[in-house]
């Protein structure tokens, strides 16, 4: 098994987050700082991300990485809710450039060549895990492949 496959297969053994919270400080778009928190099914605190980032998708990937480090992941519904909230608008996807996806991949520990390898050489199961590892849905990953 390749190192890339090992990095994505970790997603198969994680627990789901019970609930999450999003709060913002500041009222003006561009000056807001969001805090993301996760809790397990018993309501116990798992982790938090609150550092300012260049954009909220980067903060979202930071949150996913921190959750993985704690042995957790978001459900598909939770990911979709977050991406459809004031925190992050998924309407950005059609405008995202190749460099945006490369940056997201790097935050998750993947190179540009890993991204291309997933696109060209990996089965759908690995592609789905890769998407989840990046905080994308499978359909969003497939759309991103058009940039590579």
N, C-alpha and C. Protein backbone atom coordinates (compact mmCIF):
# COMPACT_ATOMS: atom_id res chain seq x y z
N UNK A 1 0.86 -1.18 0.00
CA UNK A 1 0.00 0.00 0.00
C UNK A 1 0.90 1.24 0.00
N UNK A 2 0.58 2.19 -0.85
CA UNK A 2 1.38 3.40 -0.95
C UNK A 2 1.16 4.30 0.26
N UNK A 3 2.07 5.22 0.44
CA UNK A 3 1.97 6.20 1.53
C UNK A 3 0.71 7.05 1.36
N UNK A 4 0.37 7.39 0.11
CA UNK A 4 -0.85 8.16 -0.16
C UNK A 4 -2.07 7.38 0.33
N UNK A 5 -2.13 6.11 -0.01
CA UNK A 5 -3.27 5.29 0.42
C UNK A 5 -3.32 5.16 1.93
N UNK A 6 -2.17 5.04 2.58
CA UNK A 6 -2.14 4.98 4.04
C UNK A 6 -2.71 6.26 4.65
N UNK A 7 -2.34 7.41 4.05
CA UNK A 7 -2.81 8.70 4.57
C UNK A 7 -4.32 8.86 4.43
N UNK A 8 -4.91 8.29 3.39
CA UNK A 8 -6.36 8.44 3.23
C UNK A 8 -7.14 7.34 3.94
N UNK A 9 -6.56 6.17 4.05
CA UNK A 9 -7.28 5.06 4.70
C UNK A 9 -7.46 5.30 6.20
N UNK A 10 -6.70 6.22 6.77
CA UNK A 10 -6.89 6.57 8.17
C UNK A 10 -8.33 7.03 8.42
N UNK A 11 -8.96 7.59 7.38
CA UNK A 11 -10.32 8.09 7.49
C UNK A 11 -11.32 6.98 7.83
N UNK A 12 -10.98 5.74 7.47
CA UNK A 12 -11.89 4.61 7.70
C UNK A 12 -12.03 4.25 9.18
N UNK A 13 -11.06 4.62 9.99
CA UNK A 13 -11.04 4.18 11.39
C UNK A 13 -11.31 5.29 12.40
N UNK A 14 -11.79 6.42 11.93
CA UNK A 14 -12.05 7.54 12.84
C UNK A 14 -13.49 7.51 13.36
N UNK A 15 -13.68 8.08 14.53
CA UNK A 15 -15.02 8.25 15.11
C UNK A 15 -15.64 9.51 14.54
N UNK A 16 -16.96 9.52 14.49
CA UNK A 16 -17.65 10.73 14.03
C UNK A 16 -17.81 11.71 15.17
N UNK A 17 -17.70 12.99 14.84
CA UNK A 17 -17.97 14.07 15.78
C UNK A 17 -19.45 14.01 16.14
N UNK A 18 -19.76 14.19 17.43
CA UNK A 18 -21.16 14.20 17.85
C UNK A 18 -21.85 15.51 17.47
N UNK A 19 -21.16 16.62 17.71
CA UNK A 19 -21.68 17.94 17.36
C UNK A 19 -20.52 18.90 17.19
N UNK A 20 -20.82 20.02 16.60
CA UNK A 20 -19.79 21.05 16.40
C UNK A 20 -20.42 22.41 16.62
N UNK A 21 -19.58 23.40 16.83
CA UNK A 21 -20.06 24.76 16.98
C UNK A 21 -19.21 25.70 16.16
N UNK A 22 -19.84 26.76 15.68
CA UNK A 22 -19.13 27.80 14.93
C UNK A 22 -19.56 29.14 15.52
N UNK A 23 -18.59 29.94 15.86
CA UNK A 23 -18.91 31.28 16.35
C UNK A 23 -17.94 32.26 15.72
N UNK A 24 -18.37 33.51 15.63
CA UNK A 24 -17.52 34.52 15.00
C UNK A 24 -17.39 35.73 15.91
N UNK A 25 -16.24 36.34 15.83
CA UNK A 25 -16.04 37.62 16.49
C UNK A 25 -15.87 38.65 15.38
N UNK A 26 -16.46 39.78 15.55
CA UNK A 26 -16.44 40.80 14.51
C UNK A 26 -17.69 40.70 13.66
N UNK A 27 -18.08 41.80 13.09
CA UNK A 27 -19.33 41.82 12.33
C UNK A 27 -19.09 42.05 10.85
N UNK A 28 -17.93 42.56 10.48
CA UNK A 28 -17.69 42.89 9.08
C UNK A 28 -16.98 41.73 8.37
N UNK A 29 -17.52 41.35 7.23
CA UNK A 29 -16.90 40.29 6.43
C UNK A 29 -15.48 40.72 6.09
N UNK A 30 -14.55 39.80 6.23
CA UNK A 30 -13.15 40.09 5.98
C UNK A 30 -12.39 40.40 7.26
N UNK A 31 -13.12 40.83 8.29
CA UNK A 31 -12.49 41.12 9.58
C UNK A 31 -12.95 40.15 10.65
N UNK A 32 -13.89 39.28 10.30
CA UNK A 32 -14.38 38.29 11.26
C UNK A 32 -13.32 37.22 11.50
N UNK A 33 -13.30 36.73 12.73
CA UNK A 33 -12.48 35.56 13.04
C UNK A 33 -13.42 34.49 13.58
N UNK A 34 -13.44 33.37 12.90
CA UNK A 34 -14.32 32.27 13.28
C UNK A 34 -13.61 31.30 14.21
N UNK A 35 -14.36 30.75 15.13
CA UNK A 35 -13.88 29.69 16.01
C UNK A 35 -14.73 28.46 15.73
N UNK A 36 -14.06 27.35 15.48
CA UNK A 36 -14.73 26.08 15.24
C UNK A 36 -14.42 25.15 16.40
N UNK A 37 -15.44 24.51 16.95
CA UNK A 37 -15.26 23.59 18.07
C UNK A 37 -15.98 22.28 17.76
N UNK A 38 -15.43 21.19 18.27
CA UNK A 38 -16.04 19.87 18.06
C UNK A 38 -16.21 19.18 19.40
N UNK A 39 -17.29 18.37 19.48
CA UNK A 39 -17.63 17.62 20.69
C UNK A 39 -17.96 16.18 20.30
N UNK A 40 -17.67 15.26 21.20
CA UNK A 40 -17.99 13.86 20.92
C UNK A 40 -19.46 13.60 21.21
N UNK A 41 -19.88 12.36 21.08
CA UNK A 41 -21.30 12.01 21.23
C UNK A 41 -21.81 12.21 22.66
N UNK A 42 -20.90 12.31 23.63
CA UNK A 42 -21.29 12.57 25.03
C UNK A 42 -21.26 14.06 25.37
N UNK A 43 -20.87 14.87 24.38
CA UNK A 43 -20.79 16.31 24.60
C UNK A 43 -19.46 16.78 25.14
N UNK A 44 -18.48 15.88 25.22
CA UNK A 44 -17.15 16.27 25.70
C UNK A 44 -16.38 16.97 24.59
N UNK A 45 -15.66 18.00 24.97
CA UNK A 45 -14.88 18.80 24.04
C UNK A 45 -13.79 17.94 23.39
N UNK A 46 -13.64 18.06 22.06
CA UNK A 46 -12.59 17.36 21.32
C UNK A 46 -11.47 18.33 20.96
N UNK A 47 -11.81 19.39 20.24
CA UNK A 47 -10.78 20.34 19.80
C UNK A 47 -11.42 21.64 19.34
N UNK A 48 -10.54 22.61 19.07
CA UNK A 48 -10.96 23.94 18.64
C UNK A 48 -9.93 24.49 17.68
N UNK A 49 -10.40 25.26 16.70
CA UNK A 49 -9.52 26.01 15.81
C UNK A 49 -10.04 27.44 15.78
N UNK A 50 -9.17 28.39 16.09
CA UNK A 50 -9.62 29.77 16.12
C UNK A 50 -8.62 30.75 15.51
N UNK A 51 -7.48 30.26 15.05
CA UNK A 51 -6.48 31.15 14.48
C UNK A 51 -6.99 31.78 13.19
N UNK A 52 -6.61 33.02 12.95
CA UNK A 52 -7.01 33.70 11.72
C UNK A 52 -6.25 33.08 10.55
N UNK A 53 -6.96 32.86 9.46
CA UNK A 53 -6.38 32.31 8.23
C UNK A 53 -6.72 33.23 7.07
N UNK A 54 -6.04 33.05 5.94
CA UNK A 54 -6.31 33.88 4.76
C UNK A 54 -7.72 33.71 4.25
N UNK A 55 -8.27 32.49 4.40
CA UNK A 55 -9.67 32.28 4.03
C UNK A 55 -10.22 31.15 4.90
N UNK A 56 -11.52 31.06 4.94
CA UNK A 56 -12.17 30.11 5.84
C UNK A 56 -12.04 28.66 5.39
N UNK A 57 -11.80 28.43 4.11
CA UNK A 57 -11.60 27.04 3.71
C UNK A 57 -10.31 26.49 4.32
N UNK A 58 -9.29 27.32 4.41
CA UNK A 58 -8.04 26.90 5.05
C UNK A 58 -8.28 26.59 6.53
N UNK A 59 -9.08 27.41 7.17
CA UNK A 59 -9.40 27.15 8.58
C UNK A 59 -10.18 25.84 8.71
N UNK A 60 -11.08 25.61 7.79
CA UNK A 60 -11.87 24.37 7.75
C UNK A 60 -10.96 23.15 7.63
N UNK A 61 -9.96 23.22 6.74
CA UNK A 61 -9.02 22.11 6.58
C UNK A 61 -8.17 21.96 7.85
N UNK A 62 -7.78 23.08 8.47
CA UNK A 62 -7.07 23.00 9.76
C UNK A 62 -7.92 22.25 10.78
N UNK A 63 -9.21 22.55 10.80
CA UNK A 63 -10.14 21.90 11.73
C UNK A 63 -10.21 20.39 11.45
N UNK A 64 -10.33 20.04 10.19
CA UNK A 64 -10.37 18.62 9.81
C UNK A 64 -9.09 17.92 10.24
N UNK A 65 -7.94 18.56 10.00
CA UNK A 65 -6.66 17.97 10.39
C UNK A 65 -6.57 17.79 11.91
N UNK A 66 -7.04 18.77 12.64
CA UNK A 66 -7.00 18.68 14.11
C UNK A 66 -7.91 17.55 14.59
N UNK A 67 -9.09 17.44 13.99
CA UNK A 67 -10.01 16.35 14.34
C UNK A 67 -9.36 15.00 14.07
N UNK A 68 -8.73 14.85 12.92
CA UNK A 68 -8.08 13.58 12.57
C UNK A 68 -7.01 13.25 13.61
N UNK A 69 -6.26 14.25 14.01
CA UNK A 69 -5.23 14.05 15.02
C UNK A 69 -5.80 13.59 16.35
N UNK A 70 -7.05 13.91 16.60
CA UNK A 70 -7.74 13.51 17.84
C UNK A 70 -8.55 12.22 17.65
N UNK A 71 -8.54 11.66 16.42
CA UNK A 71 -9.25 10.41 16.15
C UNK A 71 -10.69 10.59 15.72
N UNK A 72 -11.03 11.75 15.18
CA UNK A 72 -12.41 12.06 14.79
C UNK A 72 -12.48 12.61 13.37
N UNK A 73 -13.71 12.60 12.83
CA UNK A 73 -13.99 13.23 11.55
C UNK A 73 -15.42 13.72 11.55
N UNK A 74 -15.70 14.64 10.63
CA UNK A 74 -17.06 15.16 10.46
C UNK A 74 -17.88 14.19 9.61
N UNK A 75 -19.18 14.18 9.84
CA UNK A 75 -20.08 13.42 8.97
C UNK A 75 -20.26 14.21 7.67
N UNK A 76 -20.77 13.56 6.65
CA UNK A 76 -21.05 14.26 5.39
C UNK A 76 -22.03 15.41 5.63
N UNK A 77 -23.02 15.17 6.46
CA UNK A 77 -24.01 16.22 6.75
C UNK A 77 -23.36 17.41 7.45
N UNK A 78 -22.48 17.14 8.41
CA UNK A 78 -21.79 18.22 9.11
C UNK A 78 -20.91 19.03 8.15
N UNK A 79 -20.19 18.33 7.27
CA UNK A 79 -19.35 19.04 6.29
C UNK A 79 -20.22 19.92 5.40
N UNK A 80 -21.33 19.39 4.94
CA UNK A 80 -22.22 20.14 4.06
C UNK A 80 -22.81 21.34 4.78
N UNK A 81 -23.24 21.15 6.03
CA UNK A 81 -23.78 22.28 6.80
C UNK A 81 -22.74 23.39 6.96
N UNK A 82 -21.52 23.01 7.27
CA UNK A 82 -20.47 24.03 7.45
C UNK A 82 -20.21 24.78 6.15
N UNK A 83 -20.18 24.05 5.03
CA UNK A 83 -19.89 24.68 3.75
C UNK A 83 -21.06 25.51 3.23
N UNK A 84 -22.23 25.31 3.77
CA UNK A 84 -23.40 26.08 3.34
C UNK A 84 -23.79 27.15 4.36
N UNK A 85 -22.90 27.46 5.26
CA UNK A 85 -23.19 28.43 6.32
C UNK A 85 -22.53 29.78 6.02
N UNK A 86 -22.74 30.73 6.93
CA UNK A 86 -22.06 32.03 6.82
C UNK A 86 -20.55 31.87 6.89
N UNK A 87 -20.10 30.82 7.56
CA UNK A 87 -18.67 30.57 7.71
C UNK A 87 -17.99 30.36 6.37
N UNK A 88 -18.63 29.61 5.50
CA UNK A 88 -18.00 29.28 4.22
C UNK A 88 -19.09 29.03 3.19
N UNK A 89 -18.97 29.65 2.07
CA UNK A 89 -19.95 29.50 1.02
C UNK A 89 -19.37 28.62 -0.08
N UNK A 90 -20.00 27.50 -0.34
CA UNK A 90 -19.45 26.57 -1.34
C UNK A 90 -19.57 27.09 -2.77
N UNK A 91 -20.17 28.24 -2.97
CA UNK A 91 -20.23 28.83 -4.31
C UNK A 91 -18.85 29.20 -4.84
N UNK A 92 -17.83 29.14 -3.98
CA UNK A 92 -16.46 29.46 -4.41
C UNK A 92 -15.90 28.40 -5.36
N UNK A 93 -16.39 27.18 -5.29
CA UNK A 93 -15.77 26.07 -6.00
C UNK A 93 -15.57 26.32 -7.50
N UNK A 94 -16.56 26.83 -8.23
CA UNK A 94 -16.33 27.05 -9.67
C UNK A 94 -15.20 28.05 -9.96
N UNK A 95 -14.86 28.89 -8.97
CA UNK A 95 -13.84 29.91 -9.16
C UNK A 95 -12.48 29.50 -8.61
N UNK A 96 -12.43 28.38 -7.92
CA UNK A 96 -11.18 27.92 -7.33
C UNK A 96 -10.19 27.53 -8.43
N UNK A 97 -8.95 27.89 -8.20
CA UNK A 97 -7.89 27.60 -9.16
C UNK A 97 -7.13 26.36 -8.72
N UNK A 98 -6.33 25.85 -9.62
CA UNK A 98 -5.48 24.71 -9.31
C UNK A 98 -4.66 24.97 -8.05
N UNK A 99 -4.10 26.16 -7.94
CA UNK A 99 -3.26 26.50 -6.79
C UNK A 99 -4.04 26.43 -5.48
N UNK A 100 -5.34 26.72 -5.51
CA UNK A 100 -6.17 26.61 -4.31
C UNK A 100 -6.25 25.16 -3.84
N UNK A 101 -6.45 24.25 -4.77
CA UNK A 101 -6.55 22.84 -4.42
C UNK A 101 -5.19 22.29 -3.97
N UNK A 102 -4.12 22.78 -4.59
CA UNK A 102 -2.78 22.36 -4.18
C UNK A 102 -2.52 22.82 -2.74
N UNK A 103 -2.90 24.05 -2.42
CA UNK A 103 -2.72 24.57 -1.06
C UNK A 103 -3.51 23.76 -0.04
N UNK A 104 -4.75 23.43 -0.37
CA UNK A 104 -5.58 22.61 0.52
C UNK A 104 -4.93 21.24 0.71
N UNK A 105 -4.47 20.65 -0.37
CA UNK A 105 -3.81 19.36 -0.30
C UNK A 105 -2.57 19.40 0.58
N UNK A 106 -1.77 20.45 0.44
CA UNK A 106 -0.55 20.58 1.25
C UNK A 106 -0.89 20.66 2.73
N UNK A 107 -1.94 21.38 3.06
CA UNK A 107 -2.36 21.46 4.48
C UNK A 107 -2.69 20.08 5.03
N UNK A 108 -3.21 19.23 4.17
CA UNK A 108 -3.59 17.87 4.59
C UNK A 108 -2.45 16.87 4.42
N UNK A 109 -1.28 17.36 3.99
CA UNK A 109 -0.11 16.49 3.88
C UNK A 109 0.09 15.84 2.53
N UNK A 110 -0.52 16.39 1.49
CA UNK A 110 -0.41 15.82 0.15
C UNK A 110 0.29 16.79 -0.79
N UNK A 111 0.99 16.23 -1.76
CA UNK A 111 1.67 17.04 -2.77
C UNK A 111 0.76 17.20 -4.00
N UNK A 112 1.18 18.07 -4.89
CA UNK A 112 0.43 18.22 -6.15
C UNK A 112 0.46 16.92 -6.93
N UNK A 113 1.58 16.20 -6.90
CA UNK A 113 1.65 14.93 -7.62
C UNK A 113 0.73 13.88 -6.99
N UNK A 114 0.51 13.95 -5.66
CA UNK A 114 -0.46 13.06 -5.02
C UNK A 114 -1.85 13.31 -5.59
N UNK A 115 -2.19 14.59 -5.73
CA UNK A 115 -3.51 14.98 -6.27
C UNK A 115 -3.69 14.40 -7.67
N UNK A 116 -2.67 14.55 -8.50
CA UNK A 116 -2.74 14.04 -9.87
C UNK A 116 -2.80 12.51 -9.87
N UNK A 117 -2.06 11.88 -8.98
CA UNK A 117 -2.07 10.43 -8.86
C UNK A 117 -3.46 9.93 -8.48
N UNK A 118 -4.11 10.60 -7.54
CA UNK A 118 -5.47 10.22 -7.14
C UNK A 118 -6.41 10.35 -8.33
N UNK A 119 -6.26 11.43 -9.07
CA UNK A 119 -7.12 11.66 -10.24
C UNK A 119 -6.94 10.57 -11.30
N UNK A 120 -5.70 10.25 -11.62
CA UNK A 120 -5.42 9.39 -12.77
C UNK A 120 -5.28 7.90 -12.47
N UNK A 121 -4.93 7.55 -11.24
CA UNK A 121 -4.53 6.17 -10.98
C UNK A 121 -5.24 5.47 -9.82
N UNK A 122 -6.08 6.15 -9.10
CA UNK A 122 -6.66 5.53 -7.91
C UNK A 122 -8.14 5.21 -8.11
N UNK A 123 -8.60 4.10 -7.51
CA UNK A 123 -10.01 3.73 -7.63
C UNK A 123 -10.91 4.70 -6.88
N UNK A 124 -12.19 4.62 -7.19
CA UNK A 124 -13.16 5.54 -6.59
C UNK A 124 -13.12 5.50 -5.06
N UNK A 125 -12.96 4.34 -4.47
CA UNK A 125 -12.92 4.24 -3.00
C UNK A 125 -11.81 5.13 -2.42
N UNK A 126 -10.63 5.10 -3.01
CA UNK A 126 -9.52 5.93 -2.54
C UNK A 126 -9.80 7.39 -2.84
N UNK A 127 -10.40 7.69 -3.99
CA UNK A 127 -10.76 9.07 -4.32
C UNK A 127 -11.75 9.63 -3.30
N UNK A 128 -12.71 8.83 -2.89
CA UNK A 128 -13.69 9.27 -1.90
C UNK A 128 -13.03 9.57 -0.56
N UNK A 129 -12.11 8.72 -0.14
CA UNK A 129 -11.40 8.94 1.12
C UNK A 129 -10.50 10.18 1.02
N UNK A 130 -9.87 10.36 -0.14
CA UNK A 130 -9.04 11.54 -0.38
C UNK A 130 -9.90 12.80 -0.28
N UNK A 131 -11.06 12.79 -0.90
CA UNK A 131 -11.97 13.94 -0.83
C UNK A 131 -12.32 14.24 0.62
N UNK A 132 -12.69 13.22 1.37
CA UNK A 132 -13.06 13.42 2.77
C UNK A 132 -11.88 13.97 3.56
N UNK A 133 -10.68 13.51 3.26
CA UNK A 133 -9.47 13.96 3.96
C UNK A 133 -9.23 15.45 3.72
N UNK A 134 -9.67 15.95 2.54
CA UNK A 134 -9.52 17.36 2.20
C UNK A 134 -10.74 18.19 2.59
N UNK A 135 -11.77 17.54 3.14
CA UNK A 135 -12.99 18.26 3.49
C UNK A 135 -13.91 18.48 2.32
N UNK A 136 -13.63 17.81 1.21
CA UNK A 136 -14.48 17.91 0.03
C UNK A 136 -15.46 16.75 -0.01
N UNK A 137 -16.54 16.94 -0.73
CA UNK A 137 -17.42 15.82 -1.06
C UNK A 137 -16.86 15.23 -2.36
N UNK A 138 -17.24 14.01 -2.64
CA UNK A 138 -16.72 13.33 -3.84
C UNK A 138 -17.02 14.15 -5.10
N UNK A 139 -18.23 14.68 -5.21
CA UNK A 139 -18.59 15.47 -6.39
C UNK A 139 -17.71 16.72 -6.50
N UNK A 140 -17.34 17.31 -5.38
CA UNK A 140 -16.46 18.49 -5.40
C UNK A 140 -15.05 18.10 -5.84
N UNK A 141 -14.59 16.93 -5.41
CA UNK A 141 -13.28 16.45 -5.84
C UNK A 141 -13.27 16.23 -7.35
N UNK A 142 -14.31 15.58 -7.86
CA UNK A 142 -14.39 15.33 -9.30
C UNK A 142 -14.38 16.66 -10.05
N UNK A 143 -15.11 17.65 -9.55
CA UNK A 143 -15.11 18.97 -10.20
C UNK A 143 -13.71 19.60 -10.14
N UNK A 144 -13.01 19.40 -9.03
CA UNK A 144 -11.67 19.98 -8.90
C UNK A 144 -10.68 19.36 -9.89
N UNK A 145 -10.91 18.10 -10.28
CA UNK A 145 -10.00 17.43 -11.21
C UNK A 145 -9.91 18.16 -12.54
N UNK A 146 -10.93 18.94 -12.89
CA UNK A 146 -10.89 19.67 -14.16
C UNK A 146 -9.77 20.72 -14.17
N UNK A 147 -9.22 21.04 -13.00
CA UNK A 147 -8.12 22.02 -12.92
C UNK A 147 -6.76 21.35 -13.07
N UNK A 148 -6.74 20.02 -13.14
CA UNK A 148 -5.46 19.29 -13.21
C UNK A 148 -5.28 18.59 -14.53
